[in-house]
Amino acid sequence: MNLKKLRKARNLSQEELAELGEFHRTYVSQLERCVTNISIDGLERLANALSVDIRELLKPID
């Protein structure tokens, strides 16, 4: 949920975020739907692509 919220707050499509993080677009979709898991390295790439600290992706949803 945090991934989708942060992505939308930055007006990025799944495809744009995937490109920034060097992922396939379908992988970003799977992450947002909690269909697959991500490695710590991948989490770091997503955080960098979104310009946030990794903790922002991991914090409990409000």
PDB file of N, CA and C in Angstrom:
ATOM      1  N   MET A   1       0.827  -1.198   0.000  1.00  0.00           N
ATOM      2  CA  MET A   1       0.000   0.000   0.000  1.00  0.00           C
ATOM      3  C   MET A   1       0.872   1.262   0.000  1.00  0.00           C
ATOM      4  N   ASN A   2       1.958   1.233   0.757  1.00  0.00           N
ATOM      5  CA  ASN A   2       2.836   2.407   0.796  1.00  0.00           C
ATOM      6  C   ASN A   2       3.444   2.687  -0.569  1.00  0.00           C
ATOM      7  N   LEU A   3       3.798   1.643  -1.276  1.00  0.00           N
ATOM      8  CA  LEU A   3       4.395   1.814  -2.595  1.00  0.00           C
ATOM      9  C   LEU A   3       3.426   2.539  -3.524  1.00  0.00           C
ATOM     10  N   LYS A   4       2.208   2.078  -3.578  1.00  0.00           N
ATOM     11  CA  LYS A   4       1.209   2.687  -4.458  1.00  0.00           C
ATOM     12  C   LYS A   4       0.932   4.132  -4.044  1.00  0.00           C
ATOM     13  N   LYS A   5       0.812   4.361  -2.739  1.00  0.00           N
ATOM     14  CA  LYS A   5       0.554   5.711  -2.219  1.00  0.00           C
ATOM     15  C   LYS A   5       1.690   6.665  -2.594  1.00  0.00           C
ATOM     16  N   LEU A   6       2.928   6.246  -2.400  1.00  0.00           N
ATOM     17  CA  LEU A   6       4.080   7.092  -2.713  1.00  0.00           C
ATOM     18  C   LEU A   6       4.218   7.304  -4.218  1.00  0.00           C
ATOM     19  N   ARG A   7       3.943   6.266  -4.994  1.00  0.00           N
ATOM     20  CA  ARG A   7       4.025   6.384  -6.450  1.00  0.00           C
ATOM     21  C   ARG A   7       3.004   7.395  -6.963  1.00  0.00           C
ATOM     22  N   LYS A   8       1.786   7.278  -6.481  1.00  0.00           N
ATOM     23  CA  LYS A   8       0.732   8.190  -6.921  1.00  0.00           C
ATOM     24  C   LYS A   8       0.985   9.621  -6.448  1.00  0.00           C
ATOM     25  N   ALA A   9       1.547   9.782  -5.255  1.00  0.00           N
ATOM     26  CA  ALA A   9       1.854  11.118  -4.731  1.00  0.00           C
ATOM     27  C   ALA A   9       2.874  11.831  -5.617  1.00  0.00           C
ATOM     28  N   ARG A  10       3.667  11.060  -6.334  1.00  0.00           N
ATOM     29  CA  ARG A  10       4.676  11.635  -7.221  1.00  0.00           C
ATOM     30  C   ARG A  10       4.213  11.645  -8.676  1.00  0.00           C
ATOM     31  N   ASN A  11       2.927  11.329  -8.876  1.00  0.00           N
ATOM     32  CA  ASN A  11       2.331  11.309 -10.216  1.00  0.00           C
ATOM     33  C   ASN A  11       3.104  10.438 -11.197  1.00  0.00           C
ATOM     34  N   LEU A  12       3.515   9.267 -10.706  1.00  0.00           N
ATOM     35  CA  LEU A  12       4.232   8.316 -11.549  1.00  0.00           C
ATOM     36  C   LEU A  12       3.314   7.151 -11.902  1.00  0.00           C
ATOM     37  N   SER A  13       3.397   6.699 -13.133  1.00  0.00           N
ATOM     38  CA  SER A  13       2.704   5.475 -13.507  1.00  0.00           C
ATOM     39  C   SER A  13       3.555   4.291 -13.039  1.00  0.00           C
ATOM     40  N   GLN A  14       2.968   3.118 -13.055  1.00  0.00           N
ATOM     41  CA  GLN A  14       3.739   1.926 -12.707  1.00  0.00           C
ATOM     42  C   GLN A  14       4.902   1.758 -13.684  1.00  0.00           C
ATOM     43  N   GLU A  15       4.651   2.044 -14.935  1.00  0.00           N
ATOM     44  CA  GLU A  15       5.693   1.924 -15.948  1.00  0.00           C
ATOM     45  C   GLU A  15       6.837   2.904 -15.691  1.00  0.00           C
ATOM     46  N   GLU A  16       6.508   4.144 -15.323  1.00  0.00           N
ATOM     47  CA  GLU A  16       7.545   5.140 -15.039  1.00  0.00           C
ATOM     48  C   GLU A  16       8.367   4.744 -13.821  1.00  0.00           C
ATOM     49  N   LEU A  17       7.700   4.269 -12.766  1.00  0.00           N
ATOM     50  CA  LEU A  17       8.427   3.833 -11.577  1.00  0.00           C
ATOM     51  C   LEU A  17       9.303   2.631 -11.892  1.00  0.00           C
ATOM     52  N   ALA A  18       8.775   1.714 -12.677  1.00  0.00           N
ATOM     53  CA  ALA A  18       9.556   0.539 -13.060  1.00  0.00           C
ATOM     54  C   ALA A  18      10.821   0.963 -13.805  1.00  0.00           C
ATOM     55  N   GLU A  19      10.674   1.908 -14.693  1.00  0.00           N
ATOM     56  CA  GLU A  19      11.836   2.381 -15.447  1.00  0.00           C
ATOM     57  C   GLU A  19      12.865   3.033 -14.534  1.00  0.00           C
ATOM     58  N   LEU A  20      12.408   3.858 -13.603  1.00  0.00           N
ATOM     59  CA  LEU A  20      13.321   4.523 -12.669  1.00  0.00           C
ATOM     60  C   LEU A  20      14.057   3.514 -11.782  1.00  0.00           C
ATOM     61  N   GLY A  21      13.353   2.455 -11.380  1.00  0.00           N
ATOM     62  CA  GLY A  21      13.944   1.459 -10.503  1.00  0.00           C
ATOM     63  C   GLY A  21      14.583   0.292 -11.230  1.00  0.00           C
ATOM     64  N   GLU A  22      14.524   0.340 -12.573  1.00  0.00           N
ATOM     65  CA  GLU A  22      15.059  -0.735 -13.409  1.00  0.00           C
ATOM     66  C   GLU A  22      14.383  -2.073 -13.130  1.00  0.00           C
ATOM     67  N   PHE A  23      13.043  -2.024 -13.090  1.00  0.00           N
ATOM     68  CA  PHE A  23      12.204  -3.210 -12.926  1.00  0.00           C
ATOM     69  C   PHE A  23      11.313  -3.352 -14.151  1.00  0.00           C
ATOM     70  N   HIS A  24      10.701  -4.500 -14.290  1.00  0.00           N
ATOM     71  CA  HIS A  24       9.670  -4.677 -15.306  1.00  0.00           C
ATOM     72  C   HIS A  24       8.373  -4.102 -14.747  1.00  0.00           C
ATOM     73  N   ARG A  25       7.553  -3.508 -15.595  1.00  0.00           N
ATOM     74  CA  ARG A  25       6.305  -2.886 -15.140  1.00  0.00           C
ATOM     75  C   ARG A  25       5.397  -3.876 -14.422  1.00  0.00           C
ATOM     76  N   THR A  26       5.339  -5.101 -14.911  1.00  0.00           N
ATOM     77  CA  THR A  26       4.454  -6.073 -14.273  1.00  0.00           C
ATOM     78  C   THR A  26       4.927  -6.407 -12.855  1.00  0.00           C
ATOM     79  N   TYR A  27       6.222  -6.299 -12.606  1.00  0.00           N
ATOM     80  CA  TYR A  27       6.745  -6.562 -11.263  1.00  0.00           C
ATOM     81  C   TYR A  27       6.252  -5.500 -10.282  1.00  0.00           C
ATOM     82  N   VAL A  28       6.234  -4.241 -10.704  1.00  0.00           N
ATOM     83  CA  VAL A  28       5.722  -3.165  -9.846  1.00  0.00           C
ATOM     84  C   VAL A  28       4.247  -3.422  -9.554  1.00  0.00           C
ATOM     85  N   SER A  29       3.503  -3.827 -10.552  1.00  0.00           N
ATOM     86  CA  SER A  29       2.087  -4.156 -10.358  1.00  0.00           C
ATOM     87  C   SER A  29       1.933  -5.291  -9.342  1.00  0.00           C
ATOM     88  N   GLN A  30       2.750  -6.309  -9.464  1.00  0.00           N
ATOM     89  CA  GLN A  30       2.685  -7.443  -8.536  1.00  0.00           C
ATOM     90  C   GLN A  30       3.029  -7.012  -7.114  1.00  0.00           C
ATOM     91  N   LEU A  31       3.998  -6.131  -6.972  1.00  0.00           N
ATOM     92  CA  LEU A  31       4.358  -5.631  -5.641  1.00  0.00           C
ATOM     93  C   LEU A  31       3.203  -4.858  -5.022  1.00  0.00           C
ATOM     94  N   GLU A  32       2.569  -4.010  -5.806  1.00  0.00           N
ATOM     95  CA  GLU A  32       1.456  -3.212  -5.296  1.00  0.00           C
ATOM     96  C   GLU A  32       0.271  -4.081  -4.897  1.00  0.00           C
ATOM     97  N   ARG A  33       0.113  -5.215  -5.563  1.00  0.00           N
ATOM     98  CA  ARG A  33      -0.993  -6.122  -5.240  1.00  0.00           C
ATOM     99  C   ARG A  33      -0.600  -7.186  -4.215  1.00  0.00           C
ATOM    100  N   CYS A  34       0.632  -7.104  -3.721  1.00  0.00           N
ATOM    101  CA  CYS A  34       1.151  -8.065  -2.729  1.00  0.00           C
ATOM    102  C   CYS A  34       1.135  -9.498  -3.257  1.00  0.00           C
ATOM    103  N   VAL A  35       1.423  -9.645  -4.549  1.00  0.00           N
ATOM    104  CA  VAL A  35       1.461 -10.961  -5.177  1.00  0.00           C
ATOM    105  C   VAL A  35       2.853 -11.564  -5.085  1.00  0.00           C
ATOM    106  N   THR A  36       3.863 -10.725  -4.969  1.00  0.00           N
ATOM    107  CA  THR A  36       5.242 -11.192  -4.914  1.00  0.00           C
ATOM    108  C   THR A  36       5.991 -10.427  -3.832  1.00  0.00           C
ATOM    109  N   ASN A  37       7.124 -10.953  -3.471  1.00  0.00           N
ATOM    110  CA  ASN A  37       7.976 -10.303  -2.478  1.00  0.00           C
ATOM    111  C   ASN A  37       9.137  -9.605  -3.169  1.00  0.00           C
ATOM    112  N   ILE A  38       9.816  -8.748  -2.422  1.00  0.00           N
ATOM    113  CA  ILE A  38      10.932  -8.000  -2.973  1.00  0.00           C
ATOM    114  C   ILE A  38      12.155  -8.202  -2.089  1.00  0.00           C
ATOM    115  N   SER A  39      13.312  -8.186  -2.711  1.00  0.00           N
ATOM    116  CA  SER A  39      14.570  -8.298  -1.961  1.00  0.00           C
ATOM    117  C   SER A  39      14.906  -6.946  -1.333  1.00  0.00           C
ATOM    118  N   ILE A  40      15.831  -6.961  -0.424  1.00  0.00           N
ATOM    119  CA  ILE A  40      16.268  -5.703   0.194  1.00  0.00           C
ATOM    120  C   ILE A  40      16.922  -4.807  -0.852  1.00  0.00           C
ATOM    121  N   ASP A  41      17.669  -5.394  -1.763  1.00  0.00           N
ATOM    122  CA  ASP A  41      18.275  -4.601  -2.838  1.00  0.00           C
ATOM    123  C   ASP A  41      17.202  -3.947  -3.704  1.00  0.00           C
ATOM    124  N   GLY A  42      16.172  -4.694  -4.018  1.00  0.00           N
ATOM    125  CA  GLY A  42      15.065  -4.150  -4.810  1.00  0.00           C
ATOM    126  C   GLY A  42      14.340  -3.057  -4.067  1.00  0.00           C
ATOM    127  N   LEU A  43      14.171  -3.251  -2.770  1.00  0.00           N
ATOM    128  CA  LEU A  43      13.520  -2.244  -1.940  1.00  0.00           C
ATOM    129  C   LEU A  43      14.322  -0.948  -1.951  1.00  0.00           C
ATOM    130  N   GLU A  44      15.634  -1.080  -1.909  1.00  0.00           N
ATOM    131  CA  GLU A  44      16.499   0.098  -1.967  1.00  0.00           C
ATOM    132  C   GLU A  44      16.362   0.813  -3.315  1.00  0.00           C
ATOM    133  N   ARG A  45      16.288   0.044  -4.388  1.00  0.00           N
ATOM    134  CA  ARG A  45      16.117   0.649  -5.713  1.00  0.00           C
ATOM    135  C   ARG A  45      14.791   1.397  -5.815  1.00  0.00           C
ATOM    136  N   LEU A  46      13.732   0.813  -5.257  1.00  0.00           N
ATOM    137  CA  LEU A  46      12.434   1.498  -5.261  1.00  0.00           C
ATOM    138  C   LEU A  46      12.487   2.778  -4.436  1.00  0.00           C
ATOM    139  N   ALA A  47      13.079   2.690  -3.271  1.00  0.00           N
ATOM    140  CA  ALA A  47      13.191   3.873  -2.406  1.00  0.00           C
ATOM    141  C   ALA A  47      13.967   4.979  -3.119  1.00  0.00           C
ATOM    142  N   ASN A  48      15.047   4.626  -3.768  1.00  0.00           N
ATOM    143  CA  ASN A  48      15.834   5.617  -4.512  1.00  0.00           C
ATOM    144  C   ASN A  48      15.019   6.212  -5.656  1.00  0.00           C
ATOM    145  N   ALA A  49      14.275   5.378  -6.363  1.00  0.00           N
ATOM    146  CA  ALA A  49      13.457   5.850  -7.476  1.00  0.00           C
ATOM    147  C   ALA A  49      12.379   6.818  -6.999  1.00  0.00           C
ATOM    148  N   LEU A  50      11.889   6.591  -5.771  1.00  0.00           N
ATOM    149  CA  LEU A  50      10.846   7.455  -5.205  1.00  0.00           C
ATOM    150  C   LEU A  50      11.425   8.597  -4.366  1.00  0.00           C
ATOM    151  N   SER A  51      12.735   8.620  -4.218  1.00  0.00           N
ATOM    152  CA  SER A  51      13.430   9.628  -3.396  1.00  0.00           C
ATOM    153  C   SER A  51      12.922   9.641  -1.958  1.00  0.00           C
ATOM    154  N   VAL A  52      12.810   8.443  -1.383  1.00  0.00           N
ATOM    155  CA  VAL A  52      12.395   8.306   0.013  1.00  0.00           C
ATOM    156  C   VAL A  52      13.342   7.350   0.723  1.00  0.00           C
ATOM    157  N   ASP A  53      13.307   7.392   2.035  1.00  0.00           N
ATOM    158  CA  ASP A  53      14.034   6.434   2.849  1.00  0.00           C
ATOM    159  C   ASP A  53      13.288   5.102   2.794  1.00  0.00           C
ATOM    160  N   ILE A  54      14.014   4.014   2.847  1.00  0.00           N
ATOM    161  CA  ILE A  54      13.395   2.683   2.819  1.00  0.00           C
ATOM    162  C   ILE A  54      12.314   2.561   3.885  1.00  0.00           C
ATOM    163  N   ARG A  55      12.519   3.198   5.018  1.00  0.00           N
ATOM    164  CA  ARG A  55      11.536   3.110   6.109  1.00  0.00           C
ATOM    165  C   ARG A  55      10.159   3.598   5.686  1.00  0.00           C
ATOM    166  N   GLU A  56      10.102   4.529   4.735  1.00  0.00           N
ATOM    167  CA  GLU A  56       8.808   5.017   4.251  1.00  0.00           C
ATOM    168  C   GLU A  56       8.029   3.904   3.548  1.00  0.00           C
ATOM    169  N   LEU A  57       8.728   3.001   2.908  1.00  0.00           N
ATOM    170  CA  LEU A  57       8.073   1.880   2.237  1.00  0.00           C
ATOM    171  C   LEU A  57       7.640   0.803   3.227  1.00  0.00           C
ATOM    172  N   LEU A  58       8.327   0.727   4.359  1.00  0.00           N
ATOM    173  CA  LEU A  58       8.072  -0.342   5.323  1.00  0.00           C
ATOM    174  C   LEU A  58       7.185   0.046   6.496  1.00  0.00           C
ATOM    175  N   LYS A  59       6.924   1.325   6.658  1.00  0.00           N
ATOM    176  CA  LYS A  59       6.173   1.737   7.843  1.00  0.00           C
ATOM    177  C   LYS A  59       4.720   1.252   7.780  1.00  0.00           C
ATOM    178  N   PRO A  60       4.120   1.052   8.950  1.00  0.00           N
ATOM    179  CA  PRO A  60       2.719   0.605   8.983  1.00  0.00           C
ATOM    180  C   PRO A  60       1.820   1.618   8.286  1.00  0.00           C
ATOM    181  N   ILE A  61       0.777   1.084   7.664  1.00  0.00           N
ATOM    182  CA  ILE A  61      -0.174   1.919   6.947  1.00  0.00           C
ATOM    183  C   ILE A  61      -1.098   2.610   7.939  1.00  0.00           C
ATOM    184  N   ASP A  62      -1.300   3.904   7.705  1.00  0.00           N
ATOM    185  CA  ASP A  62      -2.178   4.681   8.588  1.00  0.00           C
ATOM    186  C   ASP A  62      -3.627   4.379   8.341  1.00  0.00           C
TER     187      ASP A  62
END
